[in-house]
Amino acid sequence: MGDETRPLAGLPPADRTLLVEPPLELAVVEVRFDSDAPDVESRVAFALREALADVGQDYPRMERAQENRVEIQMNPDAAVEPQARVAQFARGWRLHAADDSSTVTILPSAVVLQTRRYERWSVTLRPAVLAMLEIVQHHLAPALVVRIGLRYVDRFVDDTATASTWSGRISPHLLGAVEHPVFGSHVQAAQQQIELGLGPAHGAILRHGPFSDPAVGGAISYLVDIDVFDVESTSFDPESLTVRAEVLNRTAATLFQATLTRDYLRELQNVGIATTVEGGSA
């Protein structure tokens, strides 16, 4: 691991052993930028689809996408209320994988990849991110990047779980009410949001907690939702932005593993069978 892709804020590197049965429900990469382009033409969407095909990712179906913007016009002489609100619409395109497991959305101010099929950073996300950013640079000529964000949503499932089942699996520092001696075993749902500062322009939001999961007959599953972001404004360079996104990925992997106990992490890894990857477990 190079120094340039180590986790943010001096966090320890994640164990790079792949989980045998990953609990990942959704992975999202979003890059927001400042561009004067009023619209994304169909030729740009076709170019994006071809670039993704070149890295082995097929998105055969395309449809129009729209981003709503609200502009508040302030009158310097007005005491409190804005003078007017003007709705604006930015038009782009959404590309769909054949099995609908993944989508890529390109707008005049953002490009977003969402997938429910995640193998590892170097296979699933890095090639696609670089391809997307190169298309954005060539066709939309963005002046600068505004925000890079990665989000990983994991759902831990046990068909017979109650809230107390997650004791010994989720870090005791996070379990809160589940560990309460009186009502802990009766908890049906408990959500917590933790905001982390990871540098002057970096941070993360961790949303987590048990919930009654209808997909497993009302058993109590556990949600871990990690959003890591970089809001440093710089010139738009696809290679350097991809490296910055990889830093976020490694940071998310560290945070993900920190939500678990060591024993449960090793159980999920099934050490001795799993393979090693460069992107961590997130």
Foldseek 3Di string as FASTA:
>chain_A
DDPLQAAFQPFDFFAQWAFPDFQWQKKKKKWFFAFPDQEADVVLVVQLQVQCVVLPAHFPDKDKDKDKDKDFAADPPDDDHTPDIDIDIWMWMKTAGPVRQWIWTDTLTMIMIMGRDDDFCVRPPLSSLLSVLVSCCVPGVTFKIFKIKMKIKGKADDLAAFQLVCVQWFPPVPSPLLPDPPCNRVDAKDWDWDKADRDPFKIKIWIKIWHQDVVSPRHIMIMTMMMIMGRDIDGRDSVVVSSVNSNRQRNVLSVVPNRTDPVNVCVSSVPPPTDGDDRHHD
